[in-house]
Every structure is written in C-alpha cells, then in structure tokens.
Amino acid sequence: EGWLDDEWYADVDFSMDNGDTLQEERKRLITGAWGMSEDDVRQALNAASQEGMTEFESIDIDKSGIIDVEGREQNGRELELSLRQGSFEVTQMDRD
C-alpha cells in the first residue's frame, strides 16, 4: 500500500505463489471543494449516450471521482453507468 502520486493512494494484495494481483483498491485524496464542471457533465452524458442511454434521470459524483449516470435506453430498459472522472471510462454498467 502507498501513494501513487499526490492524489491517488493504492492498496494492492498479491498472491505469494505467483505474484498475481488478487485485489487492488485505489482511493483519490480530495482536499477542498470537489464536484463536476459543466464539461464533466457534458462528457459523462455523452459517454452514457454512446452506451445507448436516451433518457437521463440522474447524475452524481462521489469524492473518489466516480460519476454515476442513471437513465433508460430507447426500449425503456433501465441503464446505470459508473464512469471515472477525467477519462470517462465506463467502470461499471447495469441494465435492468
């Protein structure tokens, strides 16, 4: 475990047998105000749209920089996405 840089802390568990990563957890240090800019909101909604979301219900961000977007696909099916702020990489997707 330790700091990757001034902003990210990591805790990694490795296999003693072969050195494979068993579990990795990263936490982002937030000091001061945090949230989303207008550009962050636009990029998150664009990423959700690219995954098939046509109706947007909510968008939230947590202190670690994970953006959650909830909405529906064109067929009415619920879609929930988690994205990493900055890269807007989809980290989790649930369709109900």
Foldseek 3Di string as FASTA:
>chain_A
DAAPDPFKGKDWDADPVPRHTPDMDMATDDDDDDDDDPVQVVLLVVLVVVVAFDAWDDWGADPRQWIWTWGAGPVRWIKIFIAHGPVRDTPDIDTD
